[in-house]
Amino acid sequence: MADQRAELRRLLQQHKQQSAAVAPQPQVRVTDKLAKYDVNGQLNCIICKTAVADNGWQQHSVSSQHTNVSSQLSPSALLCLLPATTAVD
């Protein structure tokens, strides 16, 4: 019985080590002011109102759709869309 417990502990420890070795790396979140994550963790462009893949933000930000929409917005409209920031003295 003690041998079985020791073997079980060894196998569990081995499984934990193997699981830790193949654990995925945490994703880096996009921090652009025009990018916003919804409650489900989906990245969205606030001016195009479209869903964007996390790894596709760079491509989206230079796409013709994004540049056309951003060029049509006035500076005051763009400021209204951006999240409020706090001033630091």
PDB file of N, CA and C in Angstrom:
ATOM      1  N   MET A   1       0.821  -1.184   0.000  1.00  0.00           N
ATOM      2  CA  MET A   1       0.000   0.000   0.000  1.00  0.00           C
ATOM      3  C   MET A   1       0.871   1.256   0.000  1.00  0.00           C
ATOM      4  N   ALA A   2       1.926   1.256   0.817  1.00  0.00           N
ATOM      5  CA  ALA A   2       2.823   2.412   0.874  1.00  0.00           C
ATOM      6  C   ALA A   2       3.561   2.587  -0.448  1.00  0.00           C
ATOM      7  N   ASP A   3       3.895   1.469  -1.096  1.00  0.00           N
ATOM      8  CA  ASP A   3       4.567   1.537  -2.393  1.00  0.00           C
ATOM      9  C   ASP A   3       3.651   2.151  -3.451  1.00  0.00           C
ATOM     10  N   GLN A   4       2.381   1.817  -3.400  1.00  0.00           N
ATOM     11  CA  GLN A   4       1.427   2.368  -4.358  1.00  0.00           C
ATOM     12  C   GLN A   4       1.271   3.880  -4.166  1.00  0.00           C
ATOM     13  N   ARG A   5       1.209   4.318  -2.912  1.00  0.00           N
ATOM     14  CA  ARG A   5       1.106   5.752  -2.625  1.00  0.00           C
ATOM     15  C   ARG A   5       2.345   6.493  -3.091  1.00  0.00           C
ATOM     16  N   ALA A   6       3.491   5.932  -2.845  1.00  0.00           N
ATOM     17  CA  ALA A   6       4.740   6.556  -3.276  1.00  0.00           C
ATOM     18  C   ALA A   6       4.790   6.644  -4.803  1.00  0.00           C
ATOM     19  N   GLU A   7       4.359   5.600  -5.472  1.00  0.00           N
ATOM     20  CA  GLU A   7       4.327   5.600  -6.942  1.00  0.00           C
ATOM     21  C   GLU A   7       3.328   6.636  -7.462  1.00  0.00           C
ATOM     22  N   LEU A   8       2.189   6.728  -6.801  1.00  0.00           N
ATOM     23  CA  LEU A   8       1.182   7.705  -7.201  1.00  0.00           C
ATOM     24  C   LEU A   8       1.708   9.135  -7.014  1.00  0.00           C
ATOM     25  N   ARG A   9       2.364   9.407  -5.889  1.00  0.00           N
ATOM     26  CA  ARG A   9       2.966  10.729  -5.653  1.00  0.00           C
ATOM     27  C   ARG A   9       3.994  11.057  -6.721  1.00  0.00           C
ATOM     28  N   ARG A  10       4.812  10.067  -7.054  1.00  0.00           N
ATOM     29  CA  ARG A  10       5.854  10.273  -8.069  1.00  0.00           C
ATOM     30  C   ARG A  10       5.224  10.605  -9.425  1.00  0.00           C
ATOM     31  N   LEU A  11       4.179   9.873  -9.789  1.00  0.00           N
ATOM     32  CA  LEU A  11       3.513  10.117 -11.063  1.00  0.00           C
ATOM     33  C   LEU A  11       2.825  11.479 -11.097  1.00  0.00           C
ATOM     34  N   LEU A  12       2.203  11.861  -9.982  1.00  0.00           N
ATOM     35  CA  LEU A  12       1.572  13.179  -9.917  1.00  0.00           C
ATOM     36  C   LEU A  12       2.602  14.300 -10.029  1.00  0.00           C
ATOM     37  N   GLN A  13       3.722  14.144  -9.346  1.00  0.00           N
ATOM     38  CA  GLN A  13       4.801  15.132  -9.419  1.00  0.00           C
ATOM     39  C   GLN A  13       5.341  15.227 -10.838  1.00  0.00           C
ATOM     40  N   GLN A  14       5.522  14.104 -11.489  1.00  0.00           N
ATOM     41  CA  GLN A  14       6.014  14.075 -12.865  1.00  0.00           C
ATOM     42  C   GLN A  14       5.017  14.761 -13.796  1.00  0.00           C
ATOM     43  N   HIS A  15       3.733  14.515 -13.586  1.00  0.00           N
ATOM     44  CA  HIS A  15       2.694  15.136 -14.412  1.00  0.00           C
ATOM     45  C   HIS A  15       2.689  16.656 -14.230  1.00  0.00           C
ATOM     46  N   LYS A  16       2.829  17.132 -13.002  1.00  0.00           N
ATOM     47  CA  LYS A  16       2.878  18.569 -12.735  1.00  0.00           C
ATOM     48  C   LYS A  16       4.064  19.217 -13.427  1.00  0.00           C
ATOM     49  N   GLN A  17       5.209  18.569 -13.390  1.00  0.00           N
ATOM     50  CA  GLN A  17       6.402  19.111 -14.040  1.00  0.00           C
ATOM     51  C   GLN A  17       6.227  19.182 -15.545  1.00  0.00           C
ATOM     52  N   GLN A  18       5.627  18.154 -16.132  1.00  0.00           N
ATOM     53  CA  GLN A  18       5.407  18.154 -17.575  1.00  0.00           C
ATOM     54  C   GLN A  18       4.376  19.210 -17.968  1.00  0.00           C
ATOM     55  N   SER A  19       3.346  19.382 -17.164  1.00  0.00           N
ATOM     56  CA  SER A  19       2.323  20.383 -17.456  1.00  0.00           C
ATOM     57  C   SER A  19       2.892  21.787 -17.366  1.00  0.00           C
ATOM     58  N   ALA A  20       3.758  22.025 -16.402  1.00  0.00           N
ATOM     59  CA  ALA A  20       4.364  23.346 -16.248  1.00  0.00           C
ATOM     60  C   ALA A  20       5.310  23.653 -17.400  1.00  0.00           C
ATOM     61  N   ALA A  21       5.927  22.647 -17.950  1.00  0.00           N
ATOM     62  CA  ALA A  21       6.882  22.851 -19.038  1.00  0.00           C
ATOM     63  C   ALA A  21       6.194  23.269 -20.330  1.00  0.00           C
ATOM     64  N   VAL A  22       4.962  22.843 -20.553  1.00  0.00           N
ATOM     65  CA  VAL A  22       4.265  23.156 -21.798  1.00  0.00           C
ATOM     66  C   VAL A  22       3.172  24.205 -21.610  1.00  0.00           C
ATOM     67  N   ALA A  23       3.159  24.897 -20.489  1.00  0.00           N
ATOM     68  CA  ALA A  23       2.146  25.913 -20.242  1.00  0.00           C
ATOM     69  C   ALA A  23       2.337  27.070 -21.217  1.00  0.00           C
ATOM     70  N   PRO A  24       1.256  27.573 -21.806  1.00  0.00           N
ATOM     71  CA  PRO A  24       1.381  28.673 -22.761  1.00  0.00           C
ATOM     72  C   PRO A  24       1.809  29.962 -22.068  1.00  0.00           C
ATOM     73  N   GLN A  25       2.539  30.778 -22.799  1.00  0.00           N
ATOM     74  CA  GLN A  25       2.975  32.067 -22.275  1.00  0.00           C
ATOM     75  C   GLN A  25       1.794  33.027 -22.263  1.00  0.00           C
ATOM     76  N   PRO A  26       1.692  33.886 -21.261  1.00  0.00           N
ATOM     77  CA  PRO A  26       0.588  34.844 -21.242  1.00  0.00           C
ATOM     78  C   PRO A  26       0.716  35.820 -22.409  1.00  0.00           C
ATOM     79  N   GLN A  27      -0.420  36.180 -23.004  1.00  0.00           N
ATOM     80  CA  GLN A  27      -0.412  37.092 -24.132  1.00  0.00           C
ATOM     81  C   GLN A  27      -0.205  38.523 -23.659  1.00  0.00           C
ATOM     82  N   VAL A  28       0.474  39.296 -24.494  1.00  0.00           N
ATOM     83  CA  VAL A  28       0.655  40.709 -24.210  1.00  0.00           C
ATOM     84  C   VAL A  28      -0.563  41.434 -24.758  1.00  0.00           C
ATOM     85  N   ARG A  29      -1.194  42.222 -23.923  1.00  0.00           N
ATOM     86  CA  ARG A  29      -2.395  42.940 -24.339  1.00  0.00           C
ATOM     87  C   ARG A  29      -2.022  44.220 -25.077  1.00  0.00           C
ATOM     88  N   VAL A  30      -2.829  44.588 -26.044  1.00  0.00           N
ATOM     89  CA  VAL A  30      -2.631  45.804 -26.820  1.00  0.00           C
ATOM     90  C   VAL A  30      -2.978  46.991 -25.931  1.00  0.00           C
ATOM     91  N   THR A  31      -2.120  48.013 -25.914  1.00  0.00           N
ATOM     92  CA  THR A  31      -2.342  49.167 -25.043  1.00  0.00           C
ATOM     93  C   THR A  31      -2.609  50.454 -25.810  1.00  0.00           C
ATOM     94  N   ASP A  32      -2.851  50.362 -27.108  1.00  0.00           N
ATOM     95  CA  ASP A  32      -3.148  51.539 -27.917  1.00  0.00           C
ATOM     96  C   ASP A  32      -4.433  52.193 -27.408  1.00  0.00           C
ATOM     97  N   LYS A  33      -4.505  53.529 -27.453  1.00  0.00           N
ATOM     98  CA  LYS A  33      -5.686  54.233 -26.951  1.00  0.00           C
ATOM     99  C   LYS A  33      -6.926  53.975 -27.801  1.00  0.00           C
ATOM    100  N   LEU A  34      -6.733  53.566 -29.041  1.00  0.00           N
ATOM    101  CA  LEU A  34      -7.868  53.282 -29.915  1.00  0.00           C
ATOM    102  C   LEU A  34      -8.334  51.839 -29.805  1.00  0.00           C
ATOM    103  N   ALA A  35      -7.646  51.054 -28.995  1.00  0.00           N
ATOM    104  CA  ALA A  35      -8.004  49.648 -28.790  1.00  0.00           C
ATOM    105  C   ALA A  35      -8.701  49.505 -27.449  1.00  0.00           C
ATOM    106  N   LYS A  36      -9.735  48.685 -27.436  1.00  0.00           N
ATOM    107  CA  LYS A  36     -10.478  48.470 -26.198  1.00  0.00           C
ATOM    108  C   LYS A  36     -10.883  47.001 -26.130  1.00  0.00           C
ATOM    109  N   TYR A  37     -10.736  46.398 -24.970  1.00  0.00           N
ATOM    110  CA  TYR A  37     -11.168  45.018 -24.755  1.00  0.00           C
ATOM    111  C   TYR A  37     -12.582  45.027 -24.175  1.00  0.00           C
ATOM    112  N   ASP A  38     -13.443  44.187 -24.717  1.00  0.00           N
ATOM    113  CA  ASP A  38     -14.793  44.095 -24.172  1.00  0.00           C
ATOM    114  C   ASP A  38     -14.808  43.119 -22.992  1.00  0.00           C
ATOM    115  N   VAL A  39     -15.983  42.874 -22.445  1.00  0.00           N
ATOM    116  CA  VAL A  39     -16.093  42.023 -21.257  1.00  0.00           C
ATOM    117  C   VAL A  39     -15.690  40.573 -21.528  1.00  0.00           C
ATOM    118  N   ASN A  40     -15.727  40.166 -22.804  1.00  0.00           N
ATOM    119  CA  ASN A  40     -15.331  38.806 -23.158  1.00  0.00           C
ATOM    120  C   ASN A  40     -13.854  38.697 -23.505  1.00  0.00           C
ATOM    121  N   GLY A  41     -13.118  39.802 -23.419  1.00  0.00           N
ATOM    122  CA  GLY A  41     -11.696  39.778 -23.722  1.00  0.00           C
ATOM    123  C   GLY A  41     -11.384  39.963 -25.195  1.00  0.00           C
ATOM    124  N   GLN A  42     -12.390  40.294 -26.009  1.00  0.00           N
ATOM    125  CA  GLN A  42     -12.192  40.512 -27.445  1.00  0.00           C
ATOM    126  C   GLN A  42     -11.692  41.933 -27.669  1.00  0.00           C
ATOM    127  N   LEU A  43     -10.640  42.067 -28.466  1.00  0.00           N
ATOM    128  CA  LEU A  43     -10.078  43.372 -28.795  1.00  0.00           C
ATOM    129  C   LEU A  43     -10.926  44.035 -29.869  1.00  0.00           C
ATOM    130  N   ASN A  44     -11.262  45.322 -29.673  1.00  0.00           N
ATOM    131  CA  ASN A  44     -12.062  46.085 -30.623  1.00  0.00           C
ATOM    132  C   ASN A  44     -11.390  47.418 -30.911  1.00  0.00           C
ATOM    133  N   CYS A  45     -11.576  47.903 -32.132  1.00  0.00           N
ATOM    134  CA  CYS A  45     -11.124  49.234 -32.512  1.00  0.00           C
ATOM    135  C   CYS A  45     -12.280  50.181 -32.231  1.00  0.00           C
ATOM    136  N   ILE A  46     -12.044  51.229 -31.431  1.00  0.00           N
ATOM    137  CA  ILE A  46     -13.150  52.092 -31.027  1.00  0.00           C
ATOM    138  C   ILE A  46     -13.591  53.034 -32.142  1.00  0.00           C
ATOM    139  N   ILE A  47     -12.750  53.298 -33.129  1.00  0.00           N
ATOM    140  CA  ILE A  47     -13.200  54.185 -34.197  1.00  0.00           C
ATOM    141  C   ILE A  47     -13.802  53.422 -35.369  1.00  0.00           C
ATOM    142  N   CYS A  48     -13.327  52.221 -35.639  1.00  0.00           N
ATOM    143  CA  CYS A  48     -13.897  51.406 -36.723  1.00  0.00           C
ATOM    144  C   CYS A  48     -15.061  50.566 -36.236  1.00  0.00           C
ATOM    145  N   LYS A  49     -15.140  50.375 -34.923  1.00  0.00           N
ATOM    146  CA  LYS A  49     -16.161  49.527 -34.306  1.00  0.00           C
ATOM    147  C   LYS A  49     -16.128  48.103 -34.872  1.00  0.00           C
ATOM    148  N   THR A  50     -14.918  47.570 -34.979  1.00  0.00           N
ATOM    149  CA  THR A  50     -14.743  46.208 -35.469  1.00  0.00           C
ATOM    150  C   THR A  50     -13.897  45.411 -34.485  1.00  0.00           C
ATOM    151  N   ALA A  51     -14.111  44.105 -34.480  1.00  0.00           N
ATOM    152  CA  ALA A  51     -13.300  43.202 -33.666  1.00  0.00           C
ATOM    153  C   ALA A  51     -11.989  42.949 -34.404  1.00  0.00           C
ATOM    154  N   VAL A  52     -10.906  42.902 -33.633  1.00  0.00           N
ATOM    155  CA  VAL A  52      -9.564  42.715 -34.196  1.00  0.00           C
ATOM    156  C   VAL A  52      -8.865  41.636 -33.387  1.00  0.00           C
ATOM    157  N   ALA A  53      -8.134  40.773 -34.065  1.00  0.00           N
ATOM    158  CA  ALA A  53      -7.336  39.769 -33.357  1.00  0.00           C
ATOM    159  C   ALA A  53      -6.188  40.476 -32.633  1.00  0.00           C
ATOM    160  N   ASP A  54      -5.815  39.970 -31.458  1.00  0.00           N
ATOM    161  CA  ASP A  54      -4.726  40.588 -30.687  1.00  0.00           C
ATOM    162  C   ASP A  54      -3.455  40.717 -31.515  1.00  0.00           C
ATOM    163  N   ASN A  55      -3.144  39.669 -32.275  1.00  0.00           N
ATOM    164  CA  ASN A  55      -1.917  39.714 -33.057  1.00  0.00           C
ATOM    165  C   ASN A  55      -2.103  40.474 -34.370  1.00  0.00           C
ATOM    166  N   GLY A  56      -3.310  40.987 -34.638  1.00  0.00           N
ATOM    167  CA  GLY A  56      -3.571  41.713 -35.870  1.00  0.00           C
ATOM    168  C   GLY A  56      -3.750  43.199 -35.687  1.00  0.00           C
ATOM    169  N   TRP A  57      -3.488  43.711 -34.479  1.00  0.00           N
ATOM    170  CA  TRP A  57      -3.703  45.139 -34.240  1.00  0.00           C
ATOM    171  C   TRP A  57      -2.775  45.996 -35.087  1.00  0.00           C
ATOM    172  N   GLN A  58      -1.523  45.623 -35.208  1.00  0.00           N
ATOM    173  CA  GLN A  58      -0.572  46.401 -36.017  1.00  0.00           C
ATOM    174  C   GLN A  58      -1.079  46.528 -37.446  1.00  0.00           C
ATOM    175  N   GLN A  59      -1.524  45.425 -38.031  1.00  0.00           N
ATOM    176  CA  GLN A  59      -2.015  45.447 -39.399  1.00  0.00           C
ATOM    177  C   GLN A  59      -3.295  46.270 -39.507  1.00  0.00           C
ATOM    178  N   HIS A  60      -4.175  46.152 -38.526  1.00  0.00           N
ATOM    179  CA  HIS A  60      -5.431  46.899 -38.571  1.00  0.00           C
ATOM    180  C   HIS A  60      -5.177  48.401 -38.489  1.00  0.00           C
ATOM    181  N   SER A  61      -4.249  48.807 -37.635  1.00  0.00           N
ATOM    182  CA  SER A  61      -4.025  50.246 -37.427  1.00  0.00           C
ATOM    183  C   SER A  61      -3.472  50.939 -38.662  1.00  0.00           C
ATOM    184  N   VAL A  62      -2.904  50.207 -39.613  1.00  0.00           N
ATOM    185  CA  VAL A  62      -2.413  50.814 -40.857  1.00  0.00           C
ATOM    186  C   VAL A  62      -3.281  50.438 -42.061  1.00  0.00           C
ATOM    187  N   SER A  63      -4.391  49.749 -41.807  1.00  0.00           N
ATOM    188  CA  SER A  63      -5.257  49.317 -42.907  1.00  0.00           C
ATOM    189  C   SER A  63      -5.989  50.512 -43.509  1.00  0.00           C
ATOM    190  N   SER A  64      -6.455  50.351 -44.733  1.00  0.00           N
ATOM    191  CA  SER A  64      -7.165  51.435 -45.412  1.00  0.00           C
ATOM    192  C   SER A  64      -8.474  51.758 -44.703  1.00  0.00           C
ATOM    193  N   GLN A  65      -9.174  50.747 -44.184  1.00  0.00           N
ATOM    194  CA  GLN A  65     -10.420  51.008 -43.460  1.00  0.00           C
ATOM    195  C   GLN A  65     -10.164  51.906 -42.256  1.00  0.00           C
ATOM    196  N   HIS A  66      -9.170  51.570 -41.468  1.00  0.00           N
ATOM    197  CA  HIS A  66      -8.871  52.322 -40.252  1.00  0.00           C
ATOM    198  C   HIS A  66      -8.406  53.738 -40.585  1.00  0.00           C
ATOM    199  N   THR A  67      -7.522  53.879 -41.553  1.00  0.00           N
ATOM    200  CA  THR A  67      -7.021  55.217 -41.892  1.00  0.00           C
ATOM    201  C   THR A  67      -8.119  56.077 -42.502  1.00  0.00           C
ATOM    202  N   ASN A  68      -9.020  55.483 -43.299  1.00  0.00           N
ATOM    203  CA  ASN A  68     -10.133  56.255 -43.860  1.00  0.00           C
ATOM    204  C   ASN A  68     -11.067  56.762 -42.770  1.00  0.00           C
ATOM    205  N   VAL A  69     -11.433  55.896 -41.846  1.00  0.00           N
ATOM    206  CA  VAL A  69     -12.333  56.296 -40.768  1.00  0.00           C
ATOM    207  C   VAL A  69     -11.671  57.339 -39.881  1.00  0.00           C
ATOM    208  N   SER A  70     -10.413  57.152 -39.546  1.00  0.00           N
ATOM    209  CA  SER A  70      -9.739  58.103 -38.657  1.00  0.00           C
ATOM    210  C   SER A  70      -9.521  59.453 -39.341  1.00  0.00           C
ATOM    211  N   SER A  71      -9.327  59.473 -40.657  1.00  0.00           N
ATOM    212  CA  SER A  71      -9.146  60.748 -41.351  1.00  0.00           C
ATOM    213  C   SER A  71     -10.466  61.502 -41.475  1.00  0.00           C
ATOM    214  N   GLN A  72     -11.599  60.794 -41.446  1.00  0.00           N
ATOM    215  CA  GLN A  72     -12.902  61.446 -41.542  1.00  0.00           C
ATOM    216  C   GLN A  72     -13.358  62.037 -40.210  1.00  0.00           C
ATOM    217  N   LEU A  73     -12.765  61.591 -39.126  1.00  0.00           N
ATOM    218  CA  LEU A  73     -13.148  62.100 -37.809  1.00  0.00           C
ATOM    219  C   LEU A  73     -12.473  63.444 -37.541  1.00  0.00           C
ATOM    220  N   SER A  74     -13.225  64.358 -36.967  1.00  0.00           N
ATOM    221  CA  SER A  74     -12.615  65.619 -36.551  1.00  0.00           C
ATOM    222  C   SER A  74     -11.834  65.377 -35.262  1.00  0.00           C
ATOM    223  N   PRO A  75     -10.868  66.238 -34.963  1.00  0.00           N
ATOM    224  CA  PRO A  75     -10.106  66.042 -33.719  1.00  0.00           C
ATOM    225  C   PRO A  75     -10.985  66.017 -32.472  1.00  0.00           C
ATOM    226  N   SER A  76     -12.041  66.845 -32.446  1.00  0.00           N
ATOM    227  CA  SER A  76     -12.906  66.863 -31.260  1.00  0.00           C
ATOM    228  C   SER A  76     -13.710  65.557 -31.158  1.00  0.00           C
ATOM    229  N   ALA A  77     -14.126  64.995 -32.295  1.00  0.00           N
ATOM    230  CA  ALA A  77     -14.839  63.720 -32.267  1.00  0.00           C
ATOM    231  C   ALA A  77     -13.916  62.601 -31.814  1.00  0.00           C
ATOM    232  N   LEU A  78     -12.674  62.655 -32.248  1.00  0.00           N
ATOM    233  CA  LEU A  78     -11.704  61.647 -31.837  1.00  0.00           C
ATOM    234  C   LEU A  78     -11.445  61.724 -30.337  1.00  0.00           C
ATOM    235  N   LEU A  79     -11.371  62.940 -29.801  1.00  0.00           N
ATOM    236  CA  LEU A  79     -11.166  63.094 -28.352  1.00  0.00           C
ATOM    237  C   LEU A  79     -12.345  62.546 -27.560  1.00  0.00           C
ATOM    238  N   CYS A  80     -13.542  62.669 -28.114  1.00  0.00           N
ATOM    239  CA  CYS A  80     -14.731  62.134 -27.416  1.00  0.00           C
ATOM    240  C   CYS A  80     -14.692  60.611 -27.361  1.00  0.00           C
ATOM    241  N   LEU A  81     -14.094  59.986 -28.369  1.00  0.00           N
ATOM    242  CA  LEU A  81     -14.032  58.533 -28.394  1.00  0.00           C
ATOM    243  C   LEU A  81     -12.970  57.963 -27.469  1.00  0.00           C
ATOM    244  N   LEU A  82     -11.915  58.720 -27.260  1.00  0.00           N
ATOM    245  CA  LEU A  82     -10.806  58.216 -26.432  1.00  0.00           C
ATOM    246  C   LEU A  82     -11.215  58.162 -24.973  1.00  0.00           C
ATOM    247  N   PRO A  83     -10.712  57.175 -24.241  1.00  0.00           N
ATOM    248  CA  PRO A  83     -11.008  57.107 -22.808  1.00  0.00           C
ATOM    249  C   PRO A  83     -10.381  58.287 -22.073  1.00  0.00           C
ATOM    250  N   ALA A  84     -11.027  58.705 -21.013  1.00  0.00           N
ATOM    251  CA  ALA A  84     -10.532  59.832 -20.235  1.00  0.00           C
ATOM    252  C   ALA A  84      -9.199  59.487 -19.587  1.00  0.00           C
ATOM    253  N   THR A  85      -8.286  60.434 -19.598  1.00  0.00           N
ATOM    254  CA  THR A  85      -6.979  60.249 -18.951  1.00  0.00           C
ATOM    255  C   THR A  85      -6.844  61.265 -17.850  1.00  0.00           C
ATOM    256  N   THR A  86      -5.994  60.980 -16.904  1.00  0.00           N
ATOM    257  CA  THR A  86      -5.763  61.903 -15.802  1.00  0.00           C
ATOM    258  C   THR A  86      -4.478  62.657 -16.052  1.00  0.00           C
ATOM    259  N   ALA A  87      -4.502  63.924 -15.785  1.00  0.00           N
ATOM    260  CA  ALA A  87      -3.311  64.754 -15.972  1.00  0.00           C
ATOM    261  C   ALA A  87      -2.367  64.571 -14.794  1.00  0.00           C
ATOM    262  N   VAL A  88      -1.099  64.530 -15.082  1.00  0.00           N
ATOM    263  CA  VAL A  88      -0.095  64.386 -14.027  1.00  0.00           C
ATOM    264  C   VAL A  88       0.713  65.676 -13.995  1.00  0.00           C
ATOM    265  N   ASP A  89       0.767  66.294 -12.837  1.00  0.00           N
ATOM    266  CA  ASP A  89       1.522  67.555 -12.703  1.00  0.00           C
ATOM    267  C   ASP A  89       2.980  67.301 -12.479  1.00  0.00           C
TER     268      ASP A  89
END
